[in-house]
Amino acid sequence: ESLEKIEEVLIKGKSKFFGGEKIG
């Protein structure tokens, strides 16, 4: 369930990383 929420954050960003196109 917690991973589902984290997946949603990544999908919203629509990028390679959570930090965008480079890791943050």
PDB file of all heavy atoms in Angstrom:
ATOM      1  N   GLU A   1       0.820  -1.217   0.000  1.00  0.00           N
ATOM      2  CA  GLU A   1       0.000   0.000   0.000  1.00  0.00           C
ATOM      3  C   GLU A   1       0.853   1.265   0.000  1.00  0.00           C
ATOM      4  O   GLU A   1       0.538   2.234  -0.698  1.00  0.00           O
ATOM      5  CB  GLU A   1      -0.935  -0.008   1.220  1.00  0.00           C
ATOM      6  CG  GLU A   1      -2.078  -0.993   1.098  1.00  0.00           C
ATOM      7  CD  GLU A   1      -2.932  -1.061   2.354  1.00  0.00           C
ATOM      8  OE1 GLU A   1      -2.558  -0.415   3.369  1.00  0.00           O
ATOM      9  OE2 GLU A   1      -3.966  -1.757   2.336  1.00  0.00           O
ATOM     10  N   SER A   2       1.925   1.256   0.753  1.00  0.00           N
ATOM     11  CA  SER A   2       2.802   2.432   0.764  1.00  0.00           C
ATOM     12  C   SER A   2       3.525   2.576  -0.568  1.00  0.00           C
ATOM     13  O   SER A   2       3.718   3.695  -1.060  1.00  0.00           O
ATOM     14  CB  SER A   2       3.806   2.348   1.920  1.00  0.00           C
ATOM     15  OG  SER A   2       4.614   1.198   1.826  1.00  0.00           O
ATOM     16  N   LEU A   3       3.895   1.449  -1.181  1.00  0.00           N
ATOM     17  CA  LEU A   3       4.554   1.513  -2.486  1.00  0.00           C
ATOM     18  C   LEU A   3       3.597   2.036  -3.551  1.00  0.00           C
ATOM     19  O   LEU A   3       4.016   2.737  -4.486  1.00  0.00           O
ATOM     20  CB  LEU A   3       5.089   0.137  -2.873  1.00  0.00           C
ATOM     21  CG  LEU A   3       6.045   0.112  -4.078  1.00  0.00           C
ATOM     22  CD1 LEU A   3       7.311   0.914  -3.790  1.00  0.00           C
ATOM     23  CD2 LEU A   3       6.407  -1.327  -4.448  1.00  0.00           C
ATOM     24  N   GLU A   4       2.320   1.712  -3.420  1.00  0.00           N
ATOM     25  CA  GLU A   4       1.319   2.237  -4.359  1.00  0.00           C
ATOM     26  C   GLU A   4       1.302   3.760  -4.331  1.00  0.00           C
ATOM     27  O   GLU A   4       1.212   4.415  -5.383  1.00  0.00           O
ATOM     28  CB  GLU A   4      -0.070   1.690  -4.005  1.00  0.00           C
ATOM     29  CG  GLU A   4      -0.268   0.227  -4.351  1.00  0.00           C
ATOM     30  CD  GLU A   4      -1.591  -0.319  -3.829  1.00  0.00           C
ATOM     31  OE1 GLU A   4      -2.245   0.381  -3.018  1.00  0.00           O
ATOM     32  OE2 GLU A   4      -1.959  -1.448  -4.218  1.00  0.00           O
ATOM     33  N   LYS A   5       1.381   4.329  -3.146  1.00  0.00           N
ATOM     34  CA  LYS A   5       1.380   5.790  -3.013  1.00  0.00           C
ATOM     35  C   LYS A   5       2.651   6.397  -3.620  1.00  0.00           C
ATOM     36  O   LYS A   5       2.610   7.445  -4.263  1.00  0.00           O
ATOM     37  CB  LYS A   5       1.263   6.181  -1.543  1.00  0.00           C
ATOM     38  CG  LYS A   5      -0.001   5.674  -0.847  1.00  0.00           C
ATOM     39  CD  LYS A   5      -1.257   6.189  -1.518  1.00  0.00           C
ATOM     40  CE  LYS A   5      -2.500   5.726  -0.780  1.00  0.00           C
ATOM     41  NZ  LYS A   5      -3.752   6.143  -1.479  1.00  0.00           N
ATOM     42  N   ILE A   6       3.774   5.730  -3.390  1.00  0.00           N
ATOM     43  CA  ILE A   6       5.035   6.217  -3.945  1.00  0.00           C
ATOM     44  C   ILE A   6       5.022   6.126  -5.479  1.00  0.00           C
ATOM     45  O   ILE A   6       5.517   7.015  -6.168  1.00  0.00           O
ATOM     46  CB  ILE A   6       6.213   5.424  -3.349  1.00  0.00           C
ATOM     47  CG1 ILE A   6       6.330   5.723  -1.843  1.00  0.00           C
ATOM     48  CG2 ILE A   6       7.521   5.759  -4.052  1.00  0.00           C
ATOM     49  CD1 ILE A   6       7.309   4.843  -1.111  1.00  0.00           C
ATOM     50  N   GLU A   7       4.421   5.070  -6.000  1.00  0.00           N
ATOM     51  CA  GLU A   7       4.285   4.919  -7.452  1.00  0.00           C
ATOM     52  C   GLU A   7       3.483   6.081  -8.038  1.00  0.00           C
ATOM     53  O   GLU A   7       3.825   6.624  -9.098  1.00  0.00           O
ATOM     54  CB  GLU A   7       3.592   3.586  -7.772  1.00  0.00           C
ATOM     55  CG  GLU A   7       3.156   3.408  -9.217  1.00  0.00           C
ATOM     56  CD  GLU A   7       4.177   2.761 -10.118  1.00  0.00           C
ATOM     57  OE1 GLU A   7       5.304   2.514  -9.660  1.00  0.00           O
ATOM     58  OE2 GLU A   7       3.863   2.509 -11.291  1.00  0.00           O
ATOM     59  N   GLU A   8       2.428   6.484  -7.339  1.00  0.00           N
ATOM     60  CA  GLU A   8       1.598   7.597  -7.810  1.00  0.00           C
ATOM     61  C   GLU A   8       2.402   8.894  -7.904  1.00  0.00           C
ATOM     62  O   GLU A   8       2.219   9.680  -8.836  1.00  0.00           O
ATOM     63  CB  GLU A   8       0.403   7.785  -6.880  1.00  0.00           C
ATOM     64  CG  GLU A   8      -0.618   6.660  -6.952  1.00  0.00           C
ATOM     65  CD  GLU A   8      -1.708   6.806  -5.898  1.00  0.00           C
ATOM     66  OE1 GLU A   8      -1.739   7.854  -5.209  1.00  0.00           O
ATOM     67  OE2 GLU A   8      -2.523   5.877  -5.760  1.00  0.00           O
ATOM     68  N   VAL A   9       3.293   9.111  -6.948  1.00  0.00           N
ATOM     69  CA  VAL A   9       4.136  10.313  -6.959  1.00  0.00           C
ATOM     70  C   VAL A   9       5.031  10.307  -8.182  1.00  0.00           C
ATOM     71  O   VAL A   9       5.197  11.331  -8.866  1.00  0.00           O
ATOM     72  CB  VAL A   9       4.995  10.397  -5.678  1.00  0.00           C
ATOM     73  CG1 VAL A   9       5.961  11.578  -5.752  1.00  0.00           C
ATOM     74  CG2 VAL A   9       4.107  10.524  -4.451  1.00  0.00           C
ATOM     75  N   LEU A  10       5.603   9.146  -8.493  1.00  0.00           N
ATOM     76  CA  LEU A  10       6.498   9.045  -9.644  1.00  0.00           C
ATOM     77  C   LEU A  10       5.741   9.235 -10.949  1.00  0.00           C
ATOM     78  O   LEU A  10       6.227   9.900 -11.871  1.00  0.00           O
ATOM     79  CB  LEU A  10       7.195   7.682  -9.620  1.00  0.00           C
ATOM     80  CG  LEU A  10       8.342   7.467 -10.610  1.00  0.00           C
ATOM     81  CD1 LEU A  10       9.411   8.547 -10.453  1.00  0.00           C
ATOM     82  CD2 LEU A  10       8.954   6.085 -10.411  1.00  0.00           C
ATOM     83  N   ILE A  11       4.539   8.672 -11.026  1.00  0.00           N
ATOM     84  CA  ILE A  11       3.721   8.818 -12.237  1.00  0.00           C
ATOM     85  C   ILE A  11       3.357  10.277 -12.480  1.00  0.00           C
ATOM     86  O   ILE A  11       3.412  10.780 -13.613  1.00  0.00           O
ATOM     87  CB  ILE A  11       2.443   7.953 -12.130  1.00  0.00           C
ATOM     88  CG1 ILE A  11       2.800   6.467 -12.186  1.00  0.00           C
ATOM     89  CG2 ILE A  11       1.460   8.309 -13.244  1.00  0.00           C
ATOM     90  CD1 ILE A  11       1.630   5.554 -11.918  1.00  0.00           C
ATOM     91  N   LYS A  12       3.002  10.987 -11.399  1.00  0.00           N
ATOM     92  CA  LYS A  12       2.634  12.405 -11.537  1.00  0.00           C
ATOM     93  C   LYS A  12       3.777  13.239 -12.099  1.00  0.00           C
ATOM     94  O   LYS A  12       3.560  14.200 -12.832  1.00  0.00           O
ATOM     95  CB  LYS A  12       2.202  12.964 -10.176  1.00  0.00           C
ATOM     96  CG  LYS A  12       0.841  12.475  -9.708  1.00  0.00           C
ATOM     97  CD  LYS A  12       0.498  13.041  -8.340  1.00  0.00           C
ATOM     98  CE  LYS A  12      -0.841  12.499  -7.837  1.00  0.00           C
ATOM     99  NZ  LYS A  12      -1.162  12.989  -6.463  1.00  0.00           N
ATOM    100  N   GLY A  13       5.006  12.868 -11.723  1.00  0.00           N
ATOM    101  CA  GLY A  13       6.158  13.618 -12.200  1.00  0.00           C
ATOM    102  C   GLY A  13       6.468  13.392 -13.669  1.00  0.00           C
ATOM    103  O   GLY A  13       7.097  14.234 -14.319  1.00  0.00           O
ATOM    104  N   LYS A  14       6.007  12.246 -14.198  1.00  0.00           N
ATOM    105  CA  LYS A  14       6.201  11.893 -15.606  1.00  0.00           C
ATOM    106  C   LYS A  14       7.656  12.074 -16.047  1.00  0.00           C
ATOM    107  O   LYS A  14       7.944  12.628 -17.102  1.00  0.00           O
ATOM    108  CB  LYS A  14       5.283  12.736 -16.510  1.00  0.00           C
ATOM    109  CG  LYS A  14       3.800  12.538 -16.253  1.00  0.00           C
ATOM    110  CD  LYS A  14       2.950  13.410 -17.150  1.00  0.00           C
ATOM    111  CE  LYS A  14       1.476  13.218 -16.875  1.00  0.00           C
ATOM    112  NZ  LYS A  14       0.612  14.087 -17.717  1.00  0.00           N
ATOM    113  N   SER A  15       8.574  11.616 -15.197  1.00  0.00           N
ATOM    114  CA  SER A  15       9.986  11.784 -15.513  1.00  0.00           C
ATOM    115  C   SER A  15      10.762  10.531 -15.133  1.00  0.00           C
ATOM    116  O   SER A  15      10.228   9.602 -14.523  1.00  0.00           O
ATOM    117  CB  SER A  15      10.563  13.002 -14.785  1.00  0.00           C
ATOM    118  OG  SER A  15      10.337  12.903 -13.396  1.00  0.00           O
ATOM    119  N   LYS A  16      12.023  10.512 -15.480  1.00  0.00           N
ATOM    120  CA  LYS A  16      12.887   9.355 -15.260  1.00  0.00           C
ATOM    121  C   LYS A  16      13.139   9.109 -13.774  1.00  0.00           C
ATOM    122  O   LYS A  16      13.216   7.973 -13.315  1.00  0.00           O
ATOM    123  CB  LYS A  16      14.208   9.583 -15.990  1.00  0.00           C
ATOM    124  CG  LYS A  16      15.144   8.400 -16.030  1.00  0.00           C
ATOM    125  CD  LYS A  16      16.357   8.737 -16.887  1.00  0.00           C
ATOM    126  CE  LYS A  16      17.309   7.551 -16.965  1.00  0.00           C
ATOM    127  NZ  LYS A  16      18.505   7.871 -17.793  1.00  0.00           N
ATOM    128  N   PHE A  17      13.260  10.208 -13.033  1.00  0.00           N
ATOM    129  CA  PHE A  17      13.530  10.138 -11.597  1.00  0.00           C
ATOM    130  C   PHE A  17      12.506  10.982 -10.842  1.00  0.00           C
ATOM    131  O   PHE A  17      11.818  11.809 -11.431  1.00  0.00           O
ATOM    132  CB  PHE A  17      14.942  10.642 -11.286  1.00  0.00           C
ATOM    133  CG  PHE A  17      16.049   9.865 -11.948  1.00  0.00           C
ATOM    134  CD1 PHE A  17      16.749  10.394 -13.012  1.00  0.00           C
ATOM    135  CD2 PHE A  17      16.381   8.593 -11.496  1.00  0.00           C
ATOM    136  CE1 PHE A  17      17.765   9.680 -13.626  1.00  0.00           C
ATOM    137  CE2 PHE A  17      17.400   7.872 -12.095  1.00  0.00           C
ATOM    138  CZ  PHE A  17      18.092   8.415 -13.166  1.00  0.00           C
ATOM    139  N   PHE A  18      12.448  10.810  -9.531  1.00  0.00           N
ATOM    140  CA  PHE A  18      11.606  11.676  -8.713  1.00  0.00           C
ATOM    141  C   PHE A  18      12.080  13.124  -8.826  1.00  0.00           C
ATOM    142  O   PHE A  18      11.292  14.051  -8.724  1.00  0.00           O
ATOM    143  CB  PHE A  18      11.654  11.237  -7.242  1.00  0.00           C
ATOM    144  CG  PHE A  18      10.916   9.965  -6.960  1.00  0.00           C
ATOM    145  CD1 PHE A  18      11.601   8.758  -6.858  1.00  0.00           C
ATOM    146  CD2 PHE A  18       9.539   9.957  -6.795  1.00  0.00           C
ATOM    147  CE1 PHE A  18      10.932   7.577  -6.589  1.00  0.00           C
ATOM    148  CE2 PHE A  18       8.862   8.780  -6.528  1.00  0.00           C
ATOM    149  CZ  PHE A  18       9.558   7.585  -6.426  1.00  0.00           C
ATOM    150  N   GLY A  19      13.388  13.294  -9.019  1.00  0.00           N
ATOM    151  CA  GLY A  19      13.958  14.628  -9.138  1.00  0.00           C
ATOM    152  C   GLY A  19      13.893  15.207 -10.542  1.00  0.00           C
ATOM    153  O   GLY A  19      14.478  16.256 -10.800  1.00  0.00           O
ATOM    154  N   GLY A  20      13.200  14.533 -11.461  1.00  0.00           N
ATOM    155  CA  GLY A  20      13.115  15.001 -12.846  1.00  0.00           C
ATOM    156  C   GLY A  20      13.972  14.132 -13.748  1.00  0.00           C
ATOM    157  O   GLY A  20      13.927  12.910 -13.670  1.00  0.00           O
ATOM    158  N   GLU A  21      14.786  14.758 -14.576  1.00  0.00           N
ATOM    159  CA  GLU A  21      15.656  13.996 -15.467  1.00  0.00           C
ATOM    160  C   GLU A  21      16.996  13.683 -14.824  1.00  0.00           C
ATOM    161  O   GLU A  21      17.839  13.020 -15.423  1.00  0.00           O
ATOM    162  CB  GLU A  21      15.855  14.764 -16.785  1.00  0.00           C
ATOM    163  CG  GLU A  21      14.595  14.840 -17.620  1.00  0.00           C
ATOM    164  CD  GLU A  21      13.965  13.463 -17.864  1.00  0.00           C
ATOM    165  OE1 GLU A  21      14.674  12.557 -18.352  1.00  0.00           O
ATOM    166  OE2 GLU A  21      12.768  13.286 -17.548  1.00  0.00           O
ATOM    167  N   LYS A  22      17.220  14.195 -13.611  1.00  0.00           N
ATOM    168  CA  LYS A  22      18.424  13.823 -12.862  1.00  0.00           C
ATOM    169  C   LYS A  22      18.020  13.497 -11.429  1.00  0.00           C
ATOM    170  O   LYS A  22      17.000  13.976 -10.942  1.00  0.00           O
ATOM    171  CB  LYS A  22      19.463  14.956 -12.890  1.00  0.00           C
ATOM    172  CG  LYS A  22      19.002  16.250 -12.237  1.00  0.00           C
ATOM    173  CD  LYS A  22      20.125  17.291 -12.302  1.00  0.00           C
ATOM    174  CE  LYS A  22      19.732  18.550 -11.522  1.00  0.00           C
ATOM    175  NZ  LYS A  22      20.830  19.548 -11.531  1.00  0.00           N
ATOM    176  N   ILE A  23      18.813  12.690 -10.770  1.00  0.00           N
ATOM    177  CA  ILE A  23      18.408  12.244  -9.438  1.00  0.00           C
ATOM    178  C   ILE A  23      18.506  13.376  -8.423  1.00  0.00           C
ATOM    179  O   ILE A  23      19.378  14.239  -8.509  1.00  0.00           O
ATOM    180  CB  ILE A  23      19.208  11.008  -8.966  1.00  0.00           C
ATOM    181  CG1 ILE A  23      20.691  11.326  -8.778  1.00  0.00           C
ATOM    182  CG2 ILE A  23      19.056   9.864  -9.930  1.00  0.00           C
ATOM    183  CD1 ILE A  23      21.454  10.164  -8.194  1.00  0.00           C
ATOM    184  N   GLY A  24      17.577  13.349  -7.477  1.00  0.00           N
ATOM    185  CA  GLY A  24      17.534  14.369  -6.444  1.00  0.00           C
ATOM    186  C   GLY A  24      17.332  13.750  -5.074  1.00  0.00           C
ATOM    187  O   GLY A  24      17.565  12.549  -4.868  1.00  0.00           O
TER     188      GLY A  24
END
